[in-house]
Amino acid sequence: MTTGSDASRREHVERTALGVFAIAALAMAVVCAGIIVSGWFAGVIQDVYERFFWAGAALAGLMIVVLAAAVWPGGADDRRVTRRVVLLTRVGLLLFVASPTLCIGALVADFFF
């Protein structure tokens, strides 16, 4: 059984997840547009560092999928949905930090080494 406070908490975490998803999707769109406009492509960096770049790109794609799952409509059980949304949002935020770290780290390492 769920209570009114469970419903309000669910509403809050769903709204937060939606905001995180929107910011992450916008950030990914800006980065992708910048890369396309600049004419840069990952094939110009050394193979060792290129693997890190593509790992970061794969994590970025996974981040969007995880955050989209967080905002996907849930079921009737407010507590269960709240736990799912919080978990997926936290995982998405970790990926939001890890993916650009790998990509930018690969570019910096390629430049200096």
PDB file of N, CA and C in Angstrom:
ATOM      1  N   MET A   1       0.843  -1.178   0.000  1.00  0.00           N
ATOM      2  CA  MET A   1       0.000   0.000   0.000  1.00  0.00           C
ATOM      3  C   MET A   1       0.889   1.243   0.000  1.00  0.00           C
ATOM      4  N   THR A   2       0.501   2.222  -0.753  1.00  0.00           N
ATOM      5  CA  THR A   2       1.268   3.456  -0.821  1.00  0.00           C
ATOM      6  C   THR A   2       0.489   4.581  -0.164  1.00  0.00           C
ATOM      7  N   THR A   3       1.233   5.558   0.294  1.00  0.00           N
ATOM      8  CA  THR A   3       0.611   6.701   0.961  1.00  0.00           C
ATOM      9  C   THR A   3       0.797   7.950   0.113  1.00  0.00           C
ATOM     10  N   GLY A   4       0.236   9.041   0.588  1.00  0.00           N
ATOM     11  CA  GLY A   4       0.363  10.308  -0.114  1.00  0.00           C
ATOM     12  C   GLY A   4       1.793  10.791  -0.182  1.00  0.00           C
ATOM     13  N   SER A   5       2.579  10.540   0.881  1.00  0.00           N
ATOM     14  CA  SER A   5       3.975  10.970   0.862  1.00  0.00           C
ATOM     15  C   SER A   5       4.781  10.157  -0.147  1.00  0.00           C
ATOM     16  N   ASP A   6       4.420   8.863  -0.325  1.00  0.00           N
ATOM     17  CA  ASP A   6       5.085   8.051  -1.339  1.00  0.00           C
ATOM     18  C   ASP A   6       4.815   8.613  -2.733  1.00  0.00           C
ATOM     19  N   ALA A   7       3.592   9.031  -2.953  1.00  0.00           N
ATOM     20  CA  ALA A   7       3.221   9.581  -4.259  1.00  0.00           C
ATOM     21  C   ALA A   7       3.945  10.895  -4.523  1.00  0.00           C
ATOM     22  N   SER A   8       4.069  11.738  -3.511  1.00  0.00           N
ATOM     23  CA  SER A   8       4.761  13.012  -3.716  1.00  0.00           C
ATOM     24  C   SER A   8       6.262  12.793  -3.916  1.00  0.00           C
ATOM     25  N   ARG A   9       6.842  11.837  -3.201  1.00  0.00           N
ATOM     26  CA  ARG A   9       8.266  11.506  -3.403  1.00  0.00           C
ATOM     27  C   ARG A   9       8.471  10.961  -4.805  1.00  0.00           C
ATOM     28  N   ARG A  10       7.567  10.105  -5.247  1.00  0.00           N
ATOM     29  CA  ARG A  10       7.661   9.556  -6.607  1.00  0.00           C
ATOM     30  C   ARG A  10       7.620  10.681  -7.630  1.00  0.00           C
ATOM     31  N   GLU A  11       6.701  11.589  -7.443  1.00  0.00           N
ATOM     32  CA  GLU A  11       6.580  12.717  -8.366  1.00  0.00           C
ATOM     33  C   GLU A  11       7.868  13.537  -8.400  1.00  0.00           C
ATOM     34  N   HIS A  12       8.457  13.747  -7.228  1.00  0.00           N
ATOM     35  CA  HIS A  12       9.705  14.525  -7.140  1.00  0.00           C
ATOM     36  C   HIS A  12      10.856  13.817  -7.861  1.00  0.00           C
ATOM     37  N   VAL A  13      11.047  12.517  -7.607  1.00  0.00           N
ATOM     38  CA  VAL A  13      12.169  11.816  -8.237  1.00  0.00           C
ATOM     39  C   VAL A  13      11.942  11.657  -9.744  1.00  0.00           C
ATOM     40  N   GLU A  14      10.711  11.506 -10.173  1.00  0.00           N
ATOM     41  CA  GLU A  14      10.445  11.426 -11.611  1.00  0.00           C
ATOM     42  C   GLU A  14      10.737  12.759 -12.297  1.00  0.00           C
ATOM     43  N   ARG A  15      10.388  13.845 -11.654  1.00  0.00           N
ATOM     44  CA  ARG A  15      10.676  15.179 -12.195  1.00  0.00           C
ATOM     45  C   ARG A  15      12.179  15.420 -12.250  1.00  0.00           C
ATOM     46  N   THR A  16      12.897  14.995 -11.206  1.00  0.00           N
ATOM     47  CA  THR A  16      14.352  15.126 -11.181  1.00  0.00           C
ATOM     48  C   THR A  16      14.987  14.292 -12.284  1.00  0.00           C
ATOM     49  N   ALA A  17      14.531  13.065 -12.455  1.00  0.00           N
ATOM     50  CA  ALA A  17      15.063  12.186 -13.504  1.00  0.00           C
ATOM     51  C   ALA A  17      14.829  12.793 -14.883  1.00  0.00           C
ATOM     52  N   LEU A  18      13.675  13.388 -15.083  1.00  0.00           N
ATOM     53  CA  LEU A  18      13.379  14.023 -16.364  1.00  0.00           C
ATOM     54  C   LEU A  18      14.330  15.188 -16.622  1.00  0.00           C
ATOM     55  N   GLY A  19      14.607  15.978 -15.600  1.00  0.00           N
ATOM     56  CA  GLY A  19      15.552  17.088 -15.743  1.00  0.00           C
ATOM     57  C   GLY A  19      16.955  16.609 -16.070  1.00  0.00           C
ATOM     58  N   VAL A  20      17.408  15.572 -15.378  1.00  0.00           N
ATOM     59  CA  VAL A  20      18.737  15.012 -15.641  1.00  0.00           C
ATOM     60  C   VAL A  20      18.797  14.462 -17.060  1.00  0.00           C
ATOM     61  N   PHE A  21      17.760  13.765 -17.481  1.00  0.00           N
ATOM     62  CA  PHE A  21      17.713  13.212 -18.832  1.00  0.00           C
ATOM     63  C   PHE A  21      17.772  14.326 -19.872  1.00  0.00           C
ATOM     64  N   ALA A  22      17.007  15.380 -19.677  1.00  0.00           N
ATOM     65  CA  ALA A  22      16.991  16.488 -20.635  1.00  0.00           C
ATOM     66  C   ALA A  22      18.357  17.158 -20.727  1.00  0.00           C
ATOM     67  N   ILE A  23      18.998  17.387 -19.586  1.00  0.00           N
ATOM     68  CA  ILE A  23      20.318  18.017 -19.579  1.00  0.00           C
ATOM     69  C   ILE A  23      21.353  17.116 -20.251  1.00  0.00           C
ATOM     70  N   ALA A  24      21.325  15.826 -19.946  1.00  0.00           N
ATOM     71  CA  ALA A  24      22.285  14.888 -20.540  1.00  0.00           C
ATOM     72  C   ALA A  24      22.076  14.777 -22.048  1.00  0.00           C
ATOM     73  N   ALA A  25      20.830  14.709 -22.487  1.00  0.00           N
ATOM     74  CA  ALA A  25      20.555  14.619 -23.924  1.00  0.00           C
ATOM     75  C   ALA A  25      20.984  15.894 -24.644  1.00  0.00           C
ATOM     76  N   LEU A  26      20.739  17.038 -24.038  1.00  0.00           N
ATOM     77  CA  LEU A  26      21.160  18.301 -24.633  1.00  0.00           C
ATOM     78  C   LEU A  26      22.686  18.393 -24.694  1.00  0.00           C
ATOM     79  N   ALA A  27      23.356  17.974 -23.638  1.00  0.00           N
ATOM     80  CA  ALA A  27      24.813  17.995 -23.624  1.00  0.00           C
ATOM     81  C   ALA A  27      25.376  17.082 -24.710  1.00  0.00           C
ATOM     82  N   MET A  28      24.803  15.894 -24.856  1.00  0.00           N
ATOM     83  CA  MET A  28      25.256  14.975 -25.901  1.00  0.00           C
ATOM     84  C   MET A  28      25.023  15.571 -27.289  1.00  0.00           C
ATOM     85  N   ALA A  29      23.896  16.219 -27.490  1.00  0.00           N
ATOM     86  CA  ALA A  29      23.599  16.821 -28.788  1.00  0.00           C
ATOM     87  C   ALA A  29      24.586  17.936 -29.115  1.00  0.00           C
ATOM     88  N   VAL A  30      24.914  18.755 -28.132  1.00  0.00           N
ATOM     89  CA  VAL A  30      25.868  19.848 -28.348  1.00  0.00           C
ATOM     90  C   VAL A  30      27.256  19.296 -28.674  1.00  0.00           C
ATOM     91  N   VAL A  31      27.687  18.293 -27.943  1.00  0.00           N
ATOM     92  CA  VAL A  31      29.008  17.701 -28.191  1.00  0.00           C
ATOM     93  C   VAL A  31      29.042  17.055 -29.575  1.00  0.00           C
ATOM     94  N   CYS A  32      28.036  16.286 -29.912  1.00  0.00           N
ATOM     95  CA  CYS A  32      27.994  15.643 -31.232  1.00  0.00           C
ATOM     96  C   CYS A  32      27.963  16.684 -32.348  1.00  0.00           C
ATOM     97  N   ALA A  33      27.185  17.738 -32.185  1.00  0.00           N
ATOM     98  CA  ALA A  33      27.126  18.799 -33.191  1.00  0.00           C
ATOM     99  C   ALA A  33      28.476  19.490 -33.321  1.00  0.00           C
ATOM    100  N   GLY A  34      29.140  19.732 -32.208  1.00  0.00           N
ATOM    101  CA  GLY A  34      30.461  20.358 -32.250  1.00  0.00           C
ATOM    102  C   GLY A  34      31.477  19.496 -32.976  1.00  0.00           C
ATOM    103  N   ILE A  35      31.431  18.202 -32.737  1.00  0.00           N
ATOM    104  CA  ILE A  35      32.354  17.282 -33.410  1.00  0.00           C
ATOM    105  C   ILE A  35      32.067  17.241 -34.905  1.00  0.00           C
ATOM    106  N   ILE A  36      30.800  17.195 -35.276  1.00  0.00           N
ATOM    107  CA  ILE A  36      30.428  17.144 -36.692  1.00  0.00           C
ATOM    108  C   ILE A  36      30.834  18.426 -37.405  1.00  0.00           C
ATOM    109  N   VAL A  37      30.552  19.569 -36.797  1.00  0.00           N
ATOM    110  CA  VAL A  37      30.862  20.857 -37.418  1.00  0.00           C
ATOM    111  C   VAL A  37      32.372  21.048 -37.564  1.00  0.00           C
ATOM    112  N   SER A  38      33.137  20.583 -36.591  1.00  0.00           N
ATOM    113  CA  SER A  38      34.592  20.773 -36.638  1.00  0.00           C
ATOM    114  C   SER A  38      35.260  19.862 -37.662  1.00  0.00           C
ATOM    115  N   GLY A  39      34.562  18.828 -38.101  1.00  0.00           N
ATOM    116  CA  GLY A  39      35.137  17.891 -39.049  1.00  0.00           C
ATOM    117  C   GLY A  39      36.078  16.893 -38.396  1.00  0.00           C
ATOM    118  N   TRP A  40      36.105  16.862 -37.090  1.00  0.00           N
ATOM    119  CA  TRP A  40      36.994  15.941 -36.372  1.00  0.00           C
ATOM    120  C   TRP A  40      36.391  14.548 -36.403  1.00  0.00           C
ATOM    121  N   PHE A  41      37.242  13.544 -36.414  1.00  0.00           N
ATOM    122  CA  PHE A  41      36.791  12.163 -36.318  1.00  0.00           C
ATOM    123  C   PHE A  41      37.818  11.382 -35.519  1.00  0.00           C
ATOM    124  N   ALA A  42      37.358  10.331 -34.874  1.00  0.00           N
ATOM    125  CA  ALA A  42      38.205   9.596 -33.936  1.00  0.00           C
ATOM    126  C   ALA A  42      39.356   8.877 -34.620  1.00  0.00           C
ATOM    127  N   GLY A  43      39.281   8.632 -35.906  1.00  0.00           N
ATOM    128  CA  GLY A  43      40.336   7.932 -36.612  1.00  0.00           C
ATOM    129  C   GLY A  43      41.656   8.673 -36.668  1.00  0.00           C
ATOM    130  N   VAL A  44      41.679   9.941 -36.297  1.00  0.00           N
ATOM    131  CA  VAL A  44      42.925  10.706 -36.365  1.00  0.00           C
ATOM    132  C   VAL A  44      43.792  10.530 -35.123  1.00  0.00           C
ATOM    133  N   ILE A  45      43.258   9.947 -34.064  1.00  0.00           N
ATOM    134  CA  ILE A  45      44.080   9.746 -32.871  1.00  0.00           C
ATOM    135  C   ILE A  45      44.686   8.348 -32.889  1.00  0.00           C
ATOM    136  N   GLN A  46      45.747   8.169 -32.117  1.00  0.00           N
ATOM    137  CA  GLN A  46      46.452   6.890 -32.087  1.00  0.00           C
ATOM    138  C   GLN A  46      45.527   5.782 -31.578  1.00  0.00           C
ATOM    139  N   ASP A  47      45.777   4.561 -32.046  1.00  0.00           N
ATOM    140  CA  ASP A  47      44.908   3.426 -31.723  1.00  0.00           C
ATOM    141  C   ASP A  47      44.743   3.192 -30.229  1.00  0.00           C
ATOM    142  N   VAL A  48      45.827   3.342 -29.474  1.00  0.00           N
ATOM    143  CA  VAL A  48      45.740   3.093 -28.030  1.00  0.00           C
ATOM    144  C   VAL A  48      44.727   4.027 -27.383  1.00  0.00           C
ATOM    145  N   TYR A  49      44.775   5.290 -27.740  1.00  0.00           N
ATOM    146  CA  TYR A  49      43.885   6.279 -27.147  1.00  0.00           C
ATOM    147  C   TYR A  49      42.500   6.264 -27.781  1.00  0.00           C
ATOM    148  N   GLU A  50      42.426   5.846 -29.040  1.00  0.00           N
ATOM    149  CA  GLU A  50      41.135   5.798 -29.719  1.00  0.00           C
ATOM    150  C   GLU A  50      40.190   4.807 -29.033  1.00  0.00           C
ATOM    151  N   ARG A  51      40.733   3.731 -28.509  1.00  0.00           N
ATOM    152  CA  ARG A  51      39.900   2.751 -27.802  1.00  0.00           C
ATOM    153  C   ARG A  51      39.247   3.375 -26.574  1.00  0.00           C
ATOM    154  N   PHE A  52      39.985   4.214 -25.859  1.00  0.00           N
ATOM    155  CA  PHE A  52      39.402   4.904 -24.702  1.00  0.00           C
ATOM    156  C   PHE A  52      38.316   5.870 -25.151  1.00  0.00           C
ATOM    157  N   PHE A  53      38.572   6.551 -26.275  1.00  0.00           N
ATOM    158  CA  PHE A  53      37.566   7.473 -26.788  1.00  0.00           C
ATOM    159  C   PHE A  53      36.269   6.741 -27.104  1.00  0.00           C
ATOM    160  N   TRP A  54      36.362   5.617 -27.809  1.00  0.00           N
ATOM    161  CA  TRP A  54      35.157   4.890 -28.194  1.00  0.00           C
ATOM    162  C   TRP A  54      34.484   4.233 -26.996  1.00  0.00           C
ATOM    163  N   ALA A  55      35.276   3.871 -25.992  1.00  0.00           N
ATOM    164  CA  ALA A  55      34.658   3.359 -24.760  1.00  0.00           C
ATOM    165  C   ALA A  55      33.827   4.457 -24.105  1.00  0.00           C
ATOM    166  N   GLY A  56      34.344   5.672 -24.085  1.00  0.00           N
ATOM    167  CA  GLY A  56      33.587   6.801 -23.553  1.00  0.00           C
ATOM    168  C   GLY A  56      32.345   7.096 -24.374  1.00  0.00           C
ATOM    169  N   ALA A  57      32.456   6.973 -25.697  1.00  0.00           N
ATOM    170  CA  ALA A  57      31.294   7.194 -26.558  1.00  0.00           C
ATOM    171  C   ALA A  57      30.229   6.131 -26.311  1.00  0.00           C
ATOM    172  N   ALA A  58      30.660   4.887 -26.119  1.00  0.00           N
ATOM    173  CA  ALA A  58      29.704   3.813 -25.821  1.00  0.00           C
ATOM    174  C   ALA A  58      29.019   4.049 -24.478  1.00  0.00           C
ATOM    175  N   LEU A  59      29.787   4.511 -23.485  1.00  0.00           N
ATOM    176  CA  LEU A  59      29.188   4.826 -22.186  1.00  0.00           C
ATOM    177  C   LEU A  59      28.200   5.976 -22.294  1.00  0.00           C
ATOM    178  N   ALA A  60      28.470   6.928 -23.164  1.00  0.00           N
ATOM    179  CA  ALA A  60      27.542   8.043 -23.363  1.00  0.00           C
ATOM    180  C   ALA A  60      26.225   7.540 -23.945  1.00  0.00           C
ATOM    181  N   GLY A  61      26.302   6.632 -24.895  1.00  0.00           N
ATOM    182  CA  GLY A  61      25.078   6.037 -25.438  1.00  0.00           C
ATOM    183  C   GLY A  61      24.320   5.253 -24.389  1.00  0.00           C
ATOM    184  N   LEU A  62      25.056   4.502 -23.587  1.00  0.00           N
ATOM    185  CA  LEU A  62      24.437   3.750 -22.496  1.00  0.00           C
ATOM    186  C   LEU A  62      23.788   4.694 -21.482  1.00  0.00           C
ATOM    187  N   MET A  63      24.430   5.833 -21.232  1.00  0.00           N
ATOM    188  CA  MET A  63      23.885   6.820 -20.304  1.00  0.00           C
ATOM    189  C   MET A  63      22.508   7.290 -20.770  1.00  0.00           C
ATOM    190  N   ILE A  64      22.385   7.582 -22.056  1.00  0.00           N
ATOM    191  CA  ILE A  64      21.103   8.045 -22.583  1.00  0.00           C
ATOM    192  C   ILE A  64      20.040   6.958 -22.427  1.00  0.00           C
ATOM    193  N   VAL A  65      20.409   5.714 -22.675  1.00  0.00           N
ATOM    194  CA  VAL A  65      19.459   4.601 -22.528  1.00  0.00           C
ATOM    195  C   VAL A  65      19.030   4.450 -21.072  1.00  0.00           C
ATOM    196  N   VAL A  66      19.979   4.517 -20.145  1.00  0.00           N
ATOM    197  CA  VAL A  66      19.666   4.363 -18.715  1.00  0.00           C
ATOM    198  C   VAL A  66      18.777   5.503 -18.236  1.00  0.00           C
ATOM    199  N   LEU A  67      19.096   6.728 -18.624  1.00  0.00           N
ATOM    200  CA  LEU A  67      18.273   7.861 -18.192  1.00  0.00           C
ATOM    201  C   LEU A  67      16.895   7.836 -18.857  1.00  0.00           C
ATOM    202  N   ALA A  68      16.806   7.345 -20.075  1.00  0.00           N
ATOM    203  CA  ALA A  68      15.492   7.194 -20.716  1.00  0.00           C
ATOM    204  C   ALA A  68      14.663   6.152 -19.970  1.00  0.00           C
ATOM    205  N   ALA A  69      15.322   5.093 -19.507  1.00  0.00           N
ATOM    206  CA  ALA A  69      14.605   4.082 -18.714  1.00  0.00           C
ATOM    207  C   ALA A  69      14.129   4.668 -17.390  1.00  0.00           C
ATOM    208  N   ALA A  70      14.896   5.620 -16.850  1.00  0.00           N
ATOM    209  CA  ALA A  70      14.498   6.243 -15.580  1.00  0.00           C
ATOM    210  C   ALA A  70      13.231   7.072 -15.736  1.00  0.00           C
ATOM    211  N   VAL A  71      13.044   7.689 -16.879  1.00  0.00           N
ATOM    212  CA  VAL A  71      11.851   8.522 -17.069  1.00  0.00           C
ATOM    213  C   VAL A  71      10.701   7.756 -17.718  1.00  0.00           C
ATOM    214  N   TRP A  72      10.931   6.501 -18.053  1.00  0.00           N
ATOM    215  CA  TRP A  72       9.859   5.678 -18.619  1.00  0.00           C
ATOM    216  C   TRP A  72       8.753   5.509 -17.577  1.00  0.00           C
ATOM    217  N   PRO A  73       7.510   5.624 -17.971  1.00  0.00           N
ATOM    218  CA  PRO A  73       6.421   5.511 -16.988  1.00  0.00           C
ATOM    219  C   PRO A  73       6.475   4.175 -16.234  1.00  0.00           C
ATOM    220  N   GLY A  74       6.228   4.255 -14.934  1.00  0.00           N
ATOM    221  CA  GLY A  74       6.295   3.071 -14.079  1.00  0.00           C
ATOM    222  C   GLY A  74       4.933   2.465 -13.826  1.00  0.00           C
ATOM    223  N   GLY A  75       4.864   1.659 -12.787  1.00  0.00           N
ATOM    224  CA  GLY A  75       3.630   0.976 -12.426  1.00  0.00           C
ATOM    225  C   GLY A  75       2.861   1.725 -11.352  1.00  0.00           C
ATOM    226  N   ALA A  76       2.013   0.995 -10.664  1.00  0.00           N
ATOM    227  CA  ALA A  76       1.139   1.592  -9.655  1.00  0.00           C
ATOM    228  C   ALA A  76       1.795   1.675  -8.283  1.00  0.00           C
ATOM    229  N   ASP A  77       2.814   0.872  -8.010  1.00  0.00           N
ATOM    230  CA  ASP A  77       3.467   0.856  -6.703  1.00  0.00           C
ATOM    231  C   ASP A  77       4.467   2.010  -6.609  1.00  0.00           C
ATOM    232  N   ASP A  78       4.113   3.058  -5.861  1.00  0.00           N
ATOM    233  CA  ASP A  78       4.937   4.259  -5.776  1.00  0.00           C
ATOM    234  C   ASP A  78       6.328   3.987  -5.209  1.00  0.00           C
ATOM    235  N   ARG A  79       6.421   3.169  -4.174  1.00  0.00           N
ATOM    236  CA  ARG A  79       7.725   2.894  -3.567  1.00  0.00           C
ATOM    237  C   ARG A  79       8.653   2.173  -4.540  1.00  0.00           C
ATOM    238  N   ARG A  80       8.126   1.187  -5.210  1.00  0.00           N
ATOM    239  CA  ARG A  80       8.935   0.414  -6.157  1.00  0.00           C
ATOM    240  C   ARG A  80       9.404   1.288  -7.321  1.00  0.00           C
ATOM    241  N   VAL A  81       8.514   2.089  -7.854  1.00  0.00           N
ATOM    242  CA  VAL A  81       8.867   2.977  -8.958  1.00  0.00           C
ATOM    243  C   VAL A  81       9.900   4.004  -8.500  1.00  0.00           C
ATOM    244  N   THR A  82       9.731   4.530  -7.301  1.00  0.00           N
ATOM    245  CA  THR A  82      10.682   5.508  -6.769  1.00  0.00           C
ATOM    246  C   THR A  82      12.073   4.899  -6.658  1.00  0.00           C
ATOM    247  N   ARG A  83      12.170   3.680  -6.130  1.00  0.00           N
ATOM    248  CA  ARG A  83      13.477   3.013  -6.018  1.00  0.00           C
ATOM    249  C   ARG A  83      14.107   2.812  -7.394  1.00  0.00           C
ATOM    250  N   ARG A  84      13.302   2.391  -8.360  1.00  0.00           N
ATOM    251  CA  ARG A  84      13.816   2.172  -9.719  1.00  0.00           C
ATOM    252  C   ARG A  84      14.321   3.461 -10.341  1.00  0.00           C
ATOM    253  N   VAL A  85      13.552   4.526 -10.216  1.00  0.00           N
ATOM    254  CA  VAL A  85      13.922   5.808 -10.811  1.00  0.00           C
ATOM    255  C   VAL A  85      15.190   6.355 -10.147  1.00  0.00           C
ATOM    256  N   VAL A  86      15.273   6.271  -8.833  1.00  0.00           N
ATOM    257  CA  VAL A  86      16.459   6.762  -8.125  1.00  0.00           C
ATOM    258  C   VAL A  86      17.691   5.969  -8.544  1.00  0.00           C
ATOM    259  N   LEU A  87      17.593   4.651  -8.598  1.00  0.00           N
ATOM    260  CA  LEU A  87      18.731   3.814  -8.988  1.00  0.00           C
ATOM    261  C   LEU A  87      19.192   4.136 -10.406  1.00  0.00           C
ATOM    262  N   LEU A  88      18.268   4.187 -11.350  1.00  0.00           N
ATOM    263  CA  LEU A  88      18.632   4.463 -12.738  1.00  0.00           C
ATOM    264  C   LEU A  88      19.198   5.871 -12.912  1.00  0.00           C
ATOM    265  N   THR A  89      18.667   6.835 -12.175  1.00  0.00           N
ATOM    266  CA  THR A  89      19.198   8.192 -12.254  1.00  0.00           C
ATOM    267  C   THR A  89      20.620   8.252 -11.721  1.00  0.00           C
ATOM    268  N   ARG A  90      20.888   7.559 -10.620  1.00  0.00           N
ATOM    269  CA  ARG A  90      22.248   7.541 -10.074  1.00  0.00           C
ATOM    270  C   ARG A  90      23.227   6.876 -11.029  1.00  0.00           C
ATOM    271  N   VAL A  91      22.824   5.769 -11.625  1.00  0.00           N
ATOM    272  CA  VAL A  91      23.692   5.092 -12.604  1.00  0.00           C
ATOM    273  C   VAL A  91      23.922   6.010 -13.806  1.00  0.00           C
ATOM    274  N   GLY A  92      22.872   6.678 -14.263  1.00  0.00           N
ATOM    275  CA  GLY A  92      23.001   7.614 -15.378  1.00  0.00           C
ATOM    276  C   GLY A  92      23.947   8.757 -15.073  1.00  0.00           C
ATOM    277  N   LEU A  93      23.897   9.268 -13.845  1.00  0.00           N
ATOM    278  CA  LEU A  93      24.807  10.347 -13.458  1.00  0.00           C
ATOM    279  C   LEU A  93      26.258   9.868 -13.402  1.00  0.00           C
ATOM    280  N   LEU A  94      26.476   8.648 -12.943  1.00  0.00           N
ATOM    281  CA  LEU A  94      27.831   8.090 -12.956  1.00  0.00           C
ATOM    282  C   LEU A  94      28.353   7.968 -14.386  1.00  0.00           C
ATOM    283  N   LEU A  95      27.511   7.517 -15.276  1.00  0.00           N
ATOM    284  CA  LEU A  95      27.903   7.424 -16.687  1.00  0.00           C
ATOM    285  C   LEU A  95      28.111   8.808 -17.289  1.00  0.00           C
ATOM    286  N   PHE A  96      27.352   9.794 -16.829  1.00  0.00           N
ATOM    287  CA  PHE A  96      27.482  11.171 -17.297  1.00  0.00           C
ATOM    288  C   PHE A  96      28.854  11.733 -16.950  1.00  0.00           C
ATOM    289  N   VAL A  97      29.432  11.265 -15.867  1.00  0.00           N
ATOM    290  CA  VAL A  97      30.778  11.690 -15.467  1.00  0.00           C
ATOM    291  C   VAL A  97      31.842  10.833 -16.155  1.00  0.00           C
ATOM    292  N   ALA A  98      31.616   9.536 -16.244  1.00  0.00           N
ATOM    293  CA  ALA A  98      32.626   8.620 -16.784  1.00  0.00           C
ATOM    294  C   ALA A  98      32.828   8.788 -18.291  1.00  0.00           C
ATOM    295  N   SER A  99      31.763   8.991 -19.033  1.00  0.00           N
ATOM    296  CA  SER A  99      31.902   9.025 -20.493  1.00  0.00           C
ATOM    297  C   SER A  99      32.749  10.203 -20.987  1.00  0.00           C
ATOM    298  N   PRO A 100      32.504  11.438 -20.559  1.00  0.00           N
ATOM    299  CA  PRO A 100      33.381  12.506 -21.052  1.00  0.00           C
ATOM    300  C   PRO A 100      34.793  12.409 -20.476  1.00  0.00           C
ATOM    301  N   THR A 101      34.925  11.814 -19.300  1.00  0.00           N
ATOM    302  CA  THR A 101      36.265  11.636 -18.734  1.00  0.00           C
ATOM    303  C   THR A 101      37.109  10.765 -19.651  1.00  0.00           C
ATOM    304  N   LEU A 102      36.538   9.662 -20.125  1.00  0.00           N
ATOM    305  CA  LEU A 102      37.256   8.791 -21.052  1.00  0.00           C
ATOM    306  C   LEU A 102      37.529   9.485 -22.380  1.00  0.00           C
ATOM    307  N   CYS A 103      36.545  10.152 -22.936  1.00  0.00           N
ATOM    308  CA  CYS A 103      36.715  10.806 -24.232  1.00  0.00           C
ATOM    309  C   CYS A 103      37.742  11.941 -24.166  1.00  0.00           C
ATOM    310  N   ILE A 104      37.583  12.809 -23.205  1.00  0.00           N
ATOM    311  CA  ILE A 104      38.508  13.938 -23.081  1.00  0.00           C
ATOM    312  C   ILE A 104      39.891  13.451 -22.673  1.00  0.00           C
ATOM    313  N   GLY A 105      39.943  12.452 -21.790  1.00  0.00           N
ATOM    314  CA  GLY A 105      41.233  11.875 -21.403  1.00  0.00           C
ATOM    315  C   GLY A 105      41.967  11.298 -22.596  1.00  0.00           C
ATOM    316  N   ALA A 106      41.252  10.643 -23.496  1.00  0.00           N
ATOM    317  CA  ALA A 106      41.873  10.082 -24.694  1.00  0.00           C
ATOM    318  C   ALA A 106      42.423  11.191 -25.603  1.00  0.00           C
ATOM    319  N   LEU A 107      41.665  12.254 -25.750  1.00  0.00           N
ATOM    320  CA  LEU A 107      42.122  13.363 -26.595  1.00  0.00           C
ATOM    321  C   LEU A 107      43.347  14.044 -25.987  1.00  0.00           C
ATOM    322  N   VAL A 108      43.316  14.274 -24.694  1.00  0.00           N
ATOM    323  CA  VAL A 108      44.458  14.906 -24.018  1.00  0.00           C
ATOM    324  C   VAL A 108      45.690  14.007 -24.072  1.00  0.00           C
ATOM    325  N   ALA A 109      45.497  12.716 -23.809  1.00  0.00           N
ATOM    326  CA  ALA A 109      46.622  11.775 -23.849  1.00  0.00           C
ATOM    327  C   ALA A 109      47.214  11.704 -25.259  1.00  0.00           C
ATOM    328  N   ASP A 110      46.379  11.708 -26.261  1.00  0.00           N
ATOM    329  CA  ASP A 110      46.871  11.669 -27.637  1.00  0.00           C
ATOM    330  C   ASP A 110      47.649  12.933 -27.970  1.00  0.00           C
ATOM    331  N   PHE A 111      47.198  14.061 -27.474  1.00  0.00           N
ATOM    332  CA  PHE A 111      47.868  15.329 -27.754  1.00  0.00           C
ATOM    333  C   PHE A 111      49.237  15.419 -27.101  1.00  0.00           C
ATOM    334  N   PHE A 112      49.346  14.973 -25.840  1.00  0.00           N
ATOM    335  CA  PHE A 112      50.579  15.141 -25.083  1.00  0.00           C
ATOM    336  C   PHE A 112      51.550  13.965 -25.202  1.00  0.00           C
ATOM    337  N   PHE A 113      51.080  12.795 -25.602  1.00  0.00           N
ATOM    338  CA  PHE A 113      51.980  11.633 -25.628  1.00  0.00           C
ATOM    339  C   PHE A 113      52.213  11.130 -27.008  1.00  0.00           C
TER     340      PHE A 113
END
